[in-house]
Amino acid sequence: MTDVLPLPPEAETKLYEYGALSRKAEEAGDFATAEKYVLACWNCIPDPKLSYDHAQSMTADLVTFYRDIGQPQKAKEWLPLAREAYGPEPDSYVEFIAATVHYEAGELDQAFDLFDGLFKAYKTRPFQGEKPEYLAFYLDSAKAQKEKHGAA
């Protein structure tokens, strides 16, 4: 996004405060409290939210938060907003997150399709620093697909 507005200082202070509380609760395994604070972070951003600083990263953070606490359906609810926040062209960061959400939801065909596009464009770069199982899944699936189509 371009031309984003800075958050009012008091909103930014609260956002960081709630973010720290959310991380602390998540680390303690208290996902209900963590969710309350992560949503409070989002609510610190004035409307229209996507016009403000932090909105873009917050949308991706919400998707990954829900993915990481085992709630891929809630993660998928935030994906359209994350895609919108990152602009009209598909963003490789958001598309990788989307692939991981589909993977965690057991939607392996959708996960493979997204991983495949990213792998073809960037090789293993999007997978670096992520769970090794994502790349293993992609490579195993790509190999199986190649063998299936090669045998056809």
N, C-alpha and C. Protein backbone atom coordinates (compact mmCIF):
# COMPACT_ATOMS: atom_id res chain seq x y z
N MET A 1 0.84 -1.19 0.00
CA MET A 1 0.00 0.00 0.00
C MET A 1 0.88 1.24 0.00
N THR A 2 0.36 2.25 -0.62
CA THR A 2 1.09 3.51 -0.65
C THR A 2 0.29 4.55 0.11
N ASP A 3 0.98 5.61 0.48
CA ASP A 3 0.33 6.74 1.16
C ASP A 3 -0.48 6.31 2.39
N VAL A 4 0.12 5.52 3.25
CA VAL A 4 -0.57 5.14 4.48
C VAL A 4 -0.42 6.24 5.50
N LEU A 5 -1.43 6.39 6.30
CA LEU A 5 -1.43 7.40 7.36
C LEU A 5 -0.76 6.84 8.61
N PRO A 6 -0.04 7.67 9.33
CA PRO A 6 0.52 7.18 10.59
C PRO A 6 -0.60 6.99 11.62
N LEU A 7 -0.41 6.02 12.47
CA LEU A 7 -1.38 5.83 13.55
C LEU A 7 -1.25 6.99 14.52
N PRO A 8 -2.35 7.41 15.10
CA PRO A 8 -2.23 8.39 16.20
C PRO A 8 -1.35 7.78 17.30
N PRO A 9 -0.51 8.58 17.93
CA PRO A 9 0.45 8.04 18.92
C PRO A 9 -0.19 7.19 20.00
N GLU A 10 -1.35 7.60 20.50
CA GLU A 10 -1.99 6.82 21.56
C GLU A 10 -2.46 5.46 21.04
N ALA A 11 -2.89 5.40 19.77
CA ALA A 11 -3.32 4.14 19.18
C ALA A 11 -2.12 3.21 18.99
N GLU A 12 -1.00 3.78 18.55
CA GLU A 12 0.20 2.97 18.35
C GLU A 12 0.71 2.42 19.68
N THR A 13 0.67 3.24 20.72
CA THR A 13 1.10 2.79 22.04
C THR A 13 0.24 1.61 22.50
N LYS A 14 -1.08 1.74 22.35
CA LYS A 14 -2.01 0.67 22.74
C LYS A 14 -1.78 -0.58 21.90
N LEU A 15 -1.55 -0.40 20.59
CA LEU A 15 -1.33 -1.54 19.70
C LEU A 15 -0.13 -2.34 20.18
N TYR A 16 0.98 -1.67 20.51
CA TYR A 16 2.17 -2.37 20.99
C TYR A 16 1.92 -3.03 22.35
N GLU A 17 1.17 -2.36 23.19
CA GLU A 17 0.85 -2.92 24.51
C GLU A 17 0.03 -4.20 24.34
N TYR A 18 -1.03 -4.13 23.55
CA TYR A 18 -1.88 -5.31 23.32
C TYR A 18 -1.10 -6.42 22.61
N GLY A 19 -0.22 -6.04 21.69
CA GLY A 19 0.60 -7.03 20.99
C GLY A 19 1.46 -7.82 21.96
N ALA A 20 2.08 -7.12 22.89
CA ALA A 20 2.93 -7.80 23.89
C ALA A 20 2.08 -8.72 24.77
N LEU A 21 0.90 -8.27 25.16
CA LEU A 21 0.01 -9.10 25.98
C LEU A 21 -0.46 -10.33 25.21
N SER A 22 -0.73 -10.14 23.93
CA SER A 22 -1.15 -11.26 23.09
C SER A 22 -0.05 -12.31 22.98
N ARG A 23 1.17 -11.86 22.71
CA ARG A 23 2.30 -12.80 22.59
C ARG A 23 2.53 -13.55 23.91
N LYS A 24 2.43 -12.83 25.01
CA LYS A 24 2.63 -13.46 26.33
C LYS A 24 1.56 -14.53 26.57
N ALA A 25 0.31 -14.21 26.25
CA ALA A 25 -0.78 -15.18 26.44
C ALA A 25 -0.60 -16.38 25.50
N GLU A 26 -0.21 -16.11 24.27
CA GLU A 26 -0.01 -17.20 23.31
C GLU A 26 1.10 -18.13 23.77
N GLU A 27 2.20 -17.55 24.24
CA GLU A 27 3.32 -18.36 24.74
C GLU A 27 2.90 -19.21 25.94
N ALA A 28 1.94 -18.70 26.72
CA ALA A 28 1.45 -19.44 27.88
C ALA A 28 0.38 -20.47 27.50
N GLY A 29 0.01 -20.50 26.22
CA GLY A 29 -1.00 -21.44 25.78
C GLY A 29 -2.42 -20.97 26.02
N ASP A 30 -2.60 -19.71 26.42
CA ASP A 30 -3.93 -19.14 26.67
C ASP A 30 -4.40 -18.45 25.39
N PHE A 31 -4.89 -19.28 24.45
CA PHE A 31 -5.22 -18.76 23.13
C PHE A 31 -6.45 -17.85 23.13
N ALA A 32 -7.38 -18.06 24.05
CA ALA A 32 -8.56 -17.19 24.12
C ALA A 32 -8.14 -15.77 24.50
N THR A 33 -7.26 -15.65 25.49
CA THR A 33 -6.77 -14.33 25.88
C THR A 33 -5.91 -13.73 24.78
N ALA A 34 -5.08 -14.56 24.16
CA ALA A 34 -4.24 -14.07 23.06
C ALA A 34 -5.11 -13.53 21.93
N GLU A 35 -6.19 -14.24 21.62
CA GLU A 35 -7.09 -13.79 20.56
C GLU A 35 -7.73 -12.45 20.94
N LYS A 36 -8.14 -12.33 22.17
CA LYS A 36 -8.75 -11.08 22.62
C LYS A 36 -7.79 -9.91 22.39
N TYR A 37 -6.52 -10.10 22.73
CA TYR A 37 -5.55 -9.01 22.57
C TYR A 37 -5.15 -8.77 21.12
N VAL A 38 -5.05 -9.83 20.33
CA VAL A 38 -4.68 -9.62 18.94
C VAL A 38 -5.81 -8.87 18.20
N LEU A 39 -7.05 -9.17 18.55
CA LEU A 39 -8.17 -8.43 17.96
C LEU A 39 -8.22 -6.99 18.50
N ALA A 40 -7.81 -6.81 19.74
CA ALA A 40 -7.71 -5.45 20.30
C ALA A 40 -6.68 -4.64 19.53
N CYS A 41 -5.58 -5.30 19.12
CA CYS A 41 -4.57 -4.61 18.29
C CYS A 41 -5.23 -4.10 17.01
N TRP A 42 -5.96 -4.98 16.36
CA TRP A 42 -6.63 -4.61 15.11
C TRP A 42 -7.57 -3.43 15.34
N ASN A 43 -8.27 -3.46 16.46
CA ASN A 43 -9.25 -2.41 16.76
C ASN A 43 -8.60 -1.08 17.16
N CYS A 44 -7.29 -1.09 17.41
CA CYS A 44 -6.57 0.17 17.67
C CYS A 44 -6.45 1.01 16.40
N ILE A 45 -6.57 0.37 15.27
CA ILE A 45 -6.40 1.07 13.99
C ILE A 45 -7.73 1.73 13.63
N PRO A 46 -7.70 3.05 13.39
CA PRO A 46 -8.95 3.75 13.04
C PRO A 46 -9.49 3.29 11.68
N ASP A 47 -10.75 3.57 11.45
CA ASP A 47 -11.36 3.31 10.14
C ASP A 47 -11.09 4.49 9.22
N PRO A 48 -10.93 4.30 7.95
CA PRO A 48 -10.81 3.01 7.27
C PRO A 48 -9.43 2.39 7.53
N LYS A 49 -9.44 1.21 8.13
CA LYS A 49 -8.23 0.59 8.67
C LYS A 49 -7.09 0.46 7.66
N LEU A 50 -7.41 0.07 6.42
CA LEU A 50 -6.34 -0.18 5.45
C LEU A 50 -5.64 1.10 5.01
N SER A 51 -6.13 2.24 5.44
CA SER A 51 -5.47 3.51 5.13
C SER A 51 -4.36 3.84 6.12
N TYR A 52 -4.24 3.05 7.18
CA TYR A 52 -3.30 3.37 8.26
C TYR A 52 -2.12 2.41 8.32
N ASP A 53 -1.02 2.97 8.83
CA ASP A 53 0.18 2.19 9.12
C ASP A 53 -0.20 1.04 10.06
N HIS A 54 0.46 -0.05 9.92
CA HIS A 54 0.28 -1.28 10.70
C HIS A 54 -0.88 -2.15 10.21
N ALA A 55 -1.82 -1.60 9.45
CA ALA A 55 -2.97 -2.40 9.02
C ALA A 55 -2.52 -3.56 8.13
N GLN A 56 -1.60 -3.28 7.22
CA GLN A 56 -1.14 -4.32 6.30
C GLN A 56 -0.53 -5.48 7.08
N SER A 57 0.44 -5.19 7.92
CA SER A 57 1.10 -6.26 8.67
C SER A 57 0.15 -6.93 9.65
N MET A 58 -0.78 -6.17 10.21
CA MET A 58 -1.74 -6.76 11.15
C MET A 58 -2.63 -7.80 10.47
N THR A 59 -3.01 -7.56 9.21
CA THR A 59 -3.86 -8.55 8.54
C THR A 59 -3.10 -9.87 8.39
N ALA A 60 -1.84 -9.78 7.99
CA ALA A 60 -1.03 -11.00 7.86
C ALA A 60 -0.80 -11.64 9.23
N ASP A 61 -0.59 -10.81 10.23
CA ASP A 61 -0.39 -11.33 11.60
C ASP A 61 -1.63 -12.08 12.09
N LEU A 62 -2.80 -11.57 11.78
CA LEU A 62 -4.04 -12.24 12.19
C LEU A 62 -4.18 -13.59 11.50
N VAL A 63 -3.86 -13.64 10.22
CA VAL A 63 -3.93 -14.92 9.50
C VAL A 63 -2.96 -15.92 10.13
N THR A 64 -1.72 -15.50 10.36
CA THR A 64 -0.74 -16.44 10.91
C THR A 64 -1.06 -16.80 12.37
N PHE A 65 -1.62 -15.86 13.11
CA PHE A 65 -2.02 -16.15 14.49
C PHE A 65 -3.01 -17.31 14.51
N TYR A 66 -4.07 -17.18 13.72
CA TYR A 66 -5.09 -18.23 13.72
C TYR A 66 -4.54 -19.54 13.16
N ARG A 67 -3.68 -19.45 12.14
CA ARG A 67 -3.06 -20.67 11.61
C ARG A 67 -2.26 -21.36 12.71
N ASP A 68 -1.45 -20.57 13.43
CA ASP A 68 -0.52 -21.12 14.40
C ASP A 68 -1.20 -21.68 15.65
N ILE A 69 -2.41 -21.21 15.95
CA ILE A 69 -3.11 -21.77 17.12
C ILE A 69 -4.09 -22.87 16.70
N GLY A 70 -3.98 -23.31 15.46
CA GLY A 70 -4.78 -24.44 15.01
C GLY A 70 -6.21 -24.09 14.62
N GLN A 71 -6.43 -22.85 14.19
CA GLN A 71 -7.76 -22.44 13.75
C GLN A 71 -7.70 -21.95 12.30
N PRO A 72 -7.41 -22.87 11.37
CA PRO A 72 -7.25 -22.44 9.97
C PRO A 72 -8.51 -21.85 9.35
N GLN A 73 -9.68 -22.23 9.84
CA GLN A 73 -10.90 -21.64 9.27
C GLN A 73 -10.98 -20.15 9.58
N LYS A 74 -10.63 -19.77 10.81
CA LYS A 74 -10.59 -18.34 11.15
C LYS A 74 -9.49 -17.64 10.37
N ALA A 75 -8.37 -18.32 10.17
CA ALA A 75 -7.28 -17.75 9.37
C ALA A 75 -7.77 -17.44 7.97
N LYS A 76 -8.53 -18.37 7.40
CA LYS A 76 -9.04 -18.19 6.04
C LYS A 76 -10.01 -17.01 5.95
N GLU A 77 -10.71 -16.71 7.04
CA GLU A 77 -11.62 -15.57 7.05
C GLU A 77 -10.87 -14.24 6.90
N TRP A 78 -9.61 -14.19 7.37
CA TRP A 78 -8.81 -12.97 7.29
C TRP A 78 -8.01 -12.87 6.00
N LEU A 79 -7.88 -13.97 5.26
CA LEU A 79 -7.06 -13.95 4.04
C LEU A 79 -7.50 -12.91 3.00
N PRO A 80 -8.80 -12.80 2.70
CA PRO A 80 -9.18 -11.79 1.69
C PRO A 80 -8.75 -10.37 2.08
N LEU A 81 -8.87 -10.03 3.36
CA LEU A 81 -8.47 -8.70 3.81
C LEU A 81 -6.95 -8.54 3.72
N ALA A 82 -6.22 -9.59 4.05
CA ALA A 82 -4.75 -9.52 3.93
C ALA A 82 -4.36 -9.32 2.47
N ARG A 83 -5.01 -10.04 1.59
CA ARG A 83 -4.71 -9.87 0.15
C ARG A 83 -5.03 -8.45 -0.30
N GLU A 84 -6.14 -7.92 0.16
CA GLU A 84 -6.51 -6.55 -0.19
C GLU A 84 -5.49 -5.56 0.37
N ALA A 85 -5.06 -5.78 1.59
CA ALA A 85 -4.12 -4.87 2.24
C ALA A 85 -2.77 -4.83 1.53
N TYR A 86 -2.37 -5.96 0.95
CA TYR A 86 -1.08 -6.02 0.30
C TYR A 86 -1.12 -5.59 -1.17
N GLY A 87 -2.29 -5.17 -1.64
CA GLY A 87 -2.35 -4.56 -2.97
C GLY A 87 -3.02 -5.41 -4.02
N PRO A 88 -3.23 -4.82 -5.18
CA PRO A 88 -4.00 -5.49 -6.23
C PRO A 88 -3.28 -6.69 -6.86
N GLU A 89 -1.97 -6.68 -6.86
CA GLU A 89 -1.23 -7.81 -7.42
C GLU A 89 -0.97 -8.85 -6.33
N PRO A 90 -1.02 -10.13 -6.67
CA PRO A 90 -0.72 -11.15 -5.65
C PRO A 90 0.65 -10.88 -5.02
N ASP A 91 0.70 -10.95 -3.72
CA ASP A 91 1.93 -10.72 -2.96
C ASP A 91 2.49 -12.07 -2.53
N SER A 92 3.75 -12.33 -2.81
CA SER A 92 4.33 -13.65 -2.53
C SER A 92 4.28 -13.98 -1.03
N TYR A 93 4.45 -13.00 -0.18
CA TYR A 93 4.39 -13.23 1.27
C TYR A 93 2.99 -13.71 1.67
N VAL A 94 1.97 -12.99 1.22
CA VAL A 94 0.59 -13.35 1.58
C VAL A 94 0.21 -14.68 0.93
N GLU A 95 0.64 -14.91 -0.30
CA GLU A 95 0.29 -16.16 -0.96
C GLU A 95 0.97 -17.35 -0.28
N PHE A 96 2.18 -17.16 0.25
CA PHE A 96 2.81 -18.23 1.00
C PHE A 96 2.01 -18.51 2.28
N ILE A 97 1.62 -17.45 2.97
CA ILE A 97 0.81 -17.63 4.18
C ILE A 97 -0.49 -18.36 3.82
N ALA A 98 -1.12 -17.95 2.72
CA ALA A 98 -2.35 -18.61 2.28
C ALA A 98 -2.12 -20.10 2.04
N ALA A 99 -1.00 -20.43 1.40
CA ALA A 99 -0.68 -21.83 1.14
C ALA A 99 -0.55 -22.61 2.44
N THR A 100 0.10 -22.00 3.44
CA THR A 100 0.28 -22.69 4.72
C THR A 100 -1.05 -22.87 5.44
N VAL A 101 -1.94 -21.90 5.30
CA VAL A 101 -3.26 -22.01 5.92
C VAL A 101 -4.03 -23.17 5.28
N HIS A 102 -4.00 -23.24 3.96
CA HIS A 102 -4.67 -24.36 3.29
C HIS A 102 -4.04 -25.70 3.70
N TYR A 103 -2.73 -25.71 3.81
CA TYR A 103 -2.04 -26.93 4.24
C TYR A 103 -2.52 -27.34 5.64
N GLU A 104 -2.53 -26.39 6.55
CA GLU A 104 -2.94 -26.69 7.94
C GLU A 104 -4.41 -27.07 8.02
N ALA A 105 -5.23 -26.60 7.06
CA ALA A 105 -6.65 -26.94 7.02
C ALA A 105 -6.89 -28.29 6.34
N GLY A 106 -5.81 -28.91 5.85
CA GLY A 106 -5.96 -30.18 5.15
C GLY A 106 -6.41 -30.02 3.71
N GLU A 107 -6.38 -28.81 3.20
CA GLU A 107 -6.78 -28.52 1.82
C GLU A 107 -5.52 -28.56 0.95
N LEU A 108 -5.06 -29.78 0.72
CA LEU A 108 -3.73 -29.99 0.15
C LEU A 108 -3.65 -29.59 -1.32
N ASP A 109 -4.73 -29.74 -2.08
CA ASP A 109 -4.68 -29.33 -3.48
C ASP A 109 -4.48 -27.82 -3.60
N GLN A 110 -5.24 -27.05 -2.79
CA GLN A 110 -5.09 -25.59 -2.81
C GLN A 110 -3.69 -25.19 -2.32
N ALA A 111 -3.23 -25.86 -1.26
CA ALA A 111 -1.89 -25.56 -0.74
C ALA A 111 -0.84 -25.84 -1.82
N PHE A 112 -0.95 -26.99 -2.47
CA PHE A 112 0.03 -27.33 -3.51
C PHE A 112 0.03 -26.29 -4.62
N ASP A 113 -1.17 -25.89 -5.09
CA ASP A 113 -1.24 -24.94 -6.20
C ASP A 113 -0.54 -23.63 -5.85
N LEU A 114 -0.75 -23.13 -4.63
CA LEU A 114 -0.10 -21.88 -4.22
C LEU A 114 1.41 -22.08 -4.04
N PHE A 115 1.80 -23.16 -3.37
CA PHE A 115 3.23 -23.45 -3.21
C PHE A 115 3.90 -23.60 -4.58
N ASP A 116 3.21 -24.25 -5.50
CA ASP A 116 3.77 -24.50 -6.83
C ASP A 116 4.08 -23.19 -7.55
N GLY A 117 3.13 -22.25 -7.51
CA GLY A 117 3.37 -20.96 -8.15
C GLY A 117 4.55 -20.23 -7.53
N LEU A 118 4.64 -20.29 -6.22
CA LEU A 118 5.75 -19.63 -5.53
C LEU A 118 7.08 -20.32 -5.82
N PHE A 119 7.07 -21.65 -5.84
CA PHE A 119 8.31 -22.38 -6.10
C PHE A 119 8.80 -22.10 -7.52
N LYS A 120 7.87 -22.09 -8.46
CA LYS A 120 8.26 -21.83 -9.85
C LYS A 120 8.83 -20.42 -10.02
N ALA A 121 8.33 -19.47 -9.26
CA ALA A 121 8.82 -18.09 -9.35
C ALA A 121 10.09 -17.85 -8.54
N TYR A 122 10.18 -18.47 -7.35
CA TYR A 122 11.25 -18.10 -6.41
C TYR A 122 12.06 -19.28 -5.89
N LYS A 123 11.82 -20.48 -6.41
CA LYS A 123 12.47 -21.70 -5.92
C LYS A 123 12.19 -21.86 -4.42
N THR A 124 13.20 -22.13 -3.62
CA THR A 124 12.96 -22.43 -2.20
C THR A 124 12.93 -21.18 -1.31
N ARG A 125 13.18 -20.00 -1.89
CA ARG A 125 13.29 -18.79 -1.07
C ARG A 125 12.07 -18.55 -0.15
N PRO A 126 10.82 -18.67 -0.63
CA PRO A 126 9.70 -18.42 0.29
C PRO A 126 9.62 -19.41 1.45
N PHE A 127 10.22 -20.57 1.29
CA PHE A 127 10.15 -21.62 2.30
C PHE A 127 11.19 -21.46 3.39
N GLN A 128 12.19 -20.60 3.15
CA GLN A 128 13.28 -20.45 4.11
C GLN A 128 12.76 -19.84 5.41
N GLY A 129 13.16 -20.44 6.52
CA GLY A 129 12.76 -19.95 7.83
C GLY A 129 11.36 -20.40 8.23
N GLU A 130 10.73 -21.21 7.40
CA GLU A 130 9.39 -21.72 7.68
C GLU A 130 9.49 -23.18 8.13
N LYS A 131 8.36 -23.76 8.51
CA LYS A 131 8.36 -25.17 8.90
C LYS A 131 8.88 -26.01 7.74
N PRO A 132 9.85 -26.88 7.99
CA PRO A 132 10.40 -27.71 6.91
C PRO A 132 9.34 -28.59 6.24
N GLU A 133 8.27 -28.90 6.97
CA GLU A 133 7.24 -29.78 6.39
C GLU A 133 6.55 -29.14 5.18
N TYR A 134 6.54 -27.80 5.09
CA TYR A 134 5.90 -27.17 3.94
C TYR A 134 6.67 -27.47 2.65
N LEU A 135 7.98 -27.31 2.70
CA LEU A 135 8.78 -27.59 1.52
C LEU A 135 8.77 -29.09 1.22
N ALA A 136 8.85 -29.92 2.23
CA ALA A 136 8.81 -31.37 2.03
C ALA A 136 7.50 -31.77 1.36
N PHE A 137 6.39 -31.22 1.85
CA PHE A 137 5.10 -31.50 1.24
C PHE A 137 5.10 -31.09 -0.23
N TYR A 138 5.58 -29.88 -0.50
CA TYR A 138 5.56 -29.40 -1.87
C TYR A 138 6.42 -30.30 -2.77
N LEU A 139 7.64 -30.58 -2.35
CA LEU A 139 8.55 -31.38 -3.18
C LEU A 139 8.01 -32.80 -3.40
N ASP A 140 7.47 -33.40 -2.35
CA ASP A 140 6.89 -34.75 -2.47
C ASP A 140 5.70 -34.73 -3.43
N SER A 141 4.85 -33.71 -3.28
CA SER A 141 3.66 -33.61 -4.14
C SER A 141 4.04 -33.34 -5.59
N ALA A 142 5.03 -32.48 -5.79
CA ALA A 142 5.48 -32.17 -7.15
C ALA A 142 6.07 -33.41 -7.80
N LYS A 143 6.84 -34.17 -7.04
CA LYS A 143 7.43 -35.41 -7.56
C LYS A 143 6.33 -36.41 -7.93
N ALA A 144 5.36 -36.56 -7.05
CA ALA A 144 4.25 -37.49 -7.31
C ALA A 144 3.47 -37.06 -8.55
N GLN A 145 3.26 -35.76 -8.69
CA GLN A 145 2.53 -35.26 -9.85
C GLN A 145 3.31 -35.52 -11.14
N LYS A 146 4.62 -35.30 -11.07
CA LYS A 146 5.47 -35.52 -12.23
C LYS A 146 5.43 -36.99 -12.66
N GLU A 147 5.53 -37.88 -11.64
CA GLU A 147 5.49 -39.31 -11.92
C GLU A 147 4.14 -39.72 -12.50
N LYS A 148 3.08 -39.15 -11.97
CA LYS A 148 1.72 -39.46 -12.43
C LYS A 148 1.54 -39.01 -13.88
N HIS A 149 1.98 -37.80 -14.18
CA HIS A 149 1.82 -37.28 -15.54
C HIS A 149 2.82 -37.87 -16.51
N GLY A 150 3.98 -38.26 -15.98
CA GLY A 150 4.98 -38.91 -16.82
C GLY A 150 4.54 -40.30 -17.23
N ALA A 151 3.78 -40.94 -16.36
CA ALA A 151 3.29 -42.31 -16.64
C ALA A 151 2.05 -42.29 -17.52
N ALA A 152 1.41 -41.14 -17.61
CA ALA A 152 0.15 -41.06 -18.38
C ALA A 152 0.37 -41.03 -19.87
